[in-house]
Amino acid sequence: MSAAPVCLTLIAARSLRDDLFDFLSEQSDLVSGFTASEAAGHGVDVHLETTAERVKGHADEILVRLVLPQDSASRLLERLRTSFAGTRLVYWMMPVIAYGRLDERKR
């Protein structure tokens, strides 16, 4: 495993939003924060859960991004596999070349 930073992206049905956010907030030993946005899932492997989604032709989903060390991301994925089994949660992990915060004020 590696301590190099990665961006872990999670895609879940919008109906899982609150459960997923609560779960991630409880993983304070691995997760210091995350960014989330609404997404529209398209494709043959996308499950359209509701009549509204079938009419629209896309699944209402939530996209979550976390930047964390690769070993932490792998441990988090194992926990997600247990806690969100059967939910069709999708993920991918990509290397992060640089990560930081831009401060507008000098102190």
Protein backbone atom coordinates (compact mmCIF):
# COMPACT_ATOMS: atom_id res chain seq x y z
CA MET A 1 0.00 0.00 0.00
CA SER A 2 0.96 3.57 -0.35
CA ALA A 3 0.53 6.86 1.46
CA ALA A 4 0.47 8.69 -1.88
CA PRO A 5 -2.73 10.74 -2.22
CA VAL A 6 -5.56 9.50 -4.41
CA CYS A 7 -8.97 10.79 -5.33
CA LEU A 8 -11.61 8.19 -4.50
CA THR A 9 -14.85 8.80 -6.38
CA LEU A 10 -18.07 7.12 -5.28
CA ILE A 11 -21.31 7.01 -7.27
CA ALA A 12 -24.49 5.91 -5.48
CA ALA A 13 -28.22 6.14 -5.94
CA ARG A 14 -29.53 9.44 -4.61
CA SER A 15 -31.73 7.44 -2.22
CA LEU A 16 -28.50 6.43 -0.40
CA ARG A 17 -27.33 10.03 0.06
CA ASP A 18 -28.03 10.45 3.77
CA ASP A 19 -26.82 6.95 4.70
CA LEU A 20 -23.62 7.41 2.69
CA PHE A 21 -22.94 10.87 4.14
CA ASP A 22 -23.53 9.59 7.67
CA PHE A 23 -21.28 6.60 7.05
CA LEU A 24 -18.43 8.73 5.68
CA SER A 25 -18.76 11.20 8.56
CA GLU A 26 -18.38 8.29 11.02
CA GLN A 27 -15.09 7.16 9.41
CA SER A 28 -13.09 9.94 11.06
CA ASP A 29 -9.97 7.76 11.29
CA LEU A 30 -9.82 7.69 7.46
CA VAL A 31 -11.96 10.57 6.16
CA SER A 32 -11.27 14.21 6.99
CA GLY A 33 -13.89 15.52 4.57
CA PHE A 34 -15.49 15.00 1.19
CA THR A 35 -17.19 16.85 -1.64
CA ALA A 36 -20.53 15.76 -3.06
CA SER A 37 -22.69 16.74 -6.00
CA GLU A 38 -25.78 15.54 -7.81
CA ALA A 39 -25.24 13.39 -10.89
CA ALA A 40 -27.25 11.79 -13.69
CA GLY A 41 -26.29 8.19 -14.41
CA HIS A 42 -26.50 6.94 -18.01
CA GLY A 43 -25.60 3.60 -19.57
CA VAL A 44 -26.56 -0.04 -19.89
CA ASP A 45 -25.37 -0.90 -16.37
CA VAL A 46 -27.27 1.96 -14.72
CA HIS A 47 -30.32 0.81 -12.76
CA LEU A 48 -33.34 3.11 -13.16
CA GLU A 49 -35.14 2.72 -9.81
CA THR A 50 -38.19 4.92 -10.19
CA THR A 51 -40.79 5.69 -12.83
CA ALA A 52 -39.47 9.26 -12.95
CA GLU A 53 -35.96 7.97 -13.72
CA ARG A 54 -37.31 5.71 -16.49
CA VAL A 55 -39.18 8.66 -18.02
CA LYS A 56 -36.10 10.92 -17.79
CA GLY A 57 -33.84 8.16 -19.08
CA HIS A 58 -31.22 8.54 -16.37
CA ALA A 59 -30.69 7.58 -12.74
CA ASP A 60 -30.62 10.24 -10.04
CA GLU A 61 -27.29 9.71 -8.34
CA ILE A 62 -24.90 11.27 -5.88
CA LEU A 63 -21.20 11.71 -6.70
CA VAL A 64 -18.76 11.88 -3.78
CA ARG A 65 -15.05 12.70 -4.03
CA LEU A 66 -12.49 12.19 -1.30
CA VAL A 67 -8.76 12.93 -1.38
CA LEU A 68 -6.88 10.68 1.03
CA PRO A 69 -3.83 8.40 1.18
CA GLN A 70 -4.15 5.32 -1.01
CA ASP A 71 -3.96 2.92 1.93
CA SER A 72 -6.80 4.79 3.66
CA ALA A 73 -8.86 4.71 0.47
CA SER A 74 -8.40 0.94 0.24
CA ARG A 75 -9.46 0.47 3.87
CA LEU A 76 -12.47 2.70 3.31
CA LEU A 77 -13.48 0.64 0.28
CA GLU A 78 -13.42 -2.53 2.39
CA ARG A 79 -15.72 -0.91 4.95
CA LEU A 80 -18.02 0.31 2.17
CA ARG A 81 -18.18 -3.23 0.71
CA THR A 82 -19.50 -4.46 4.04
CA SER A 83 -21.85 -1.59 4.88
CA PHE A 84 -23.23 -1.00 1.38
CA ALA A 85 -23.33 -4.54 0.01
CA GLY A 86 -25.98 -4.94 -2.67
CA THR A 87 -26.38 -1.19 -3.32
CA ARG A 88 -24.54 -1.15 -6.67
CA LEU A 89 -22.21 1.58 -5.39
CA VAL A 90 -19.62 2.39 -8.07
CA TYR A 91 -16.13 3.65 -7.35
CA TRP A 92 -12.84 4.52 -8.96
CA MET A 93 -9.53 5.71 -7.62
CA MET A 94 -7.08 8.04 -9.38
CA PRO A 95 -3.66 9.38 -8.37
CA VAL A 96 -3.50 12.98 -7.17
CA ILE A 97 -0.50 14.86 -8.49
CA ALA A 98 -0.93 17.85 -6.20
CA TYR A 99 -3.28 18.75 -3.37
CA GLY A 100 -3.46 21.81 -1.17
CA ARG A 101 -5.34 24.94 -0.25
CA LEU A 102 -4.95 28.37 -1.79
CA ASP A 103 -5.20 31.13 0.78
CA GLU A 104 -6.01 34.57 -0.48
CA ARG A 105 -4.74 36.31 2.63
CA LYS A 106 -1.19 36.18 3.85
CA ARG A 107 -0.79 35.99 7.59
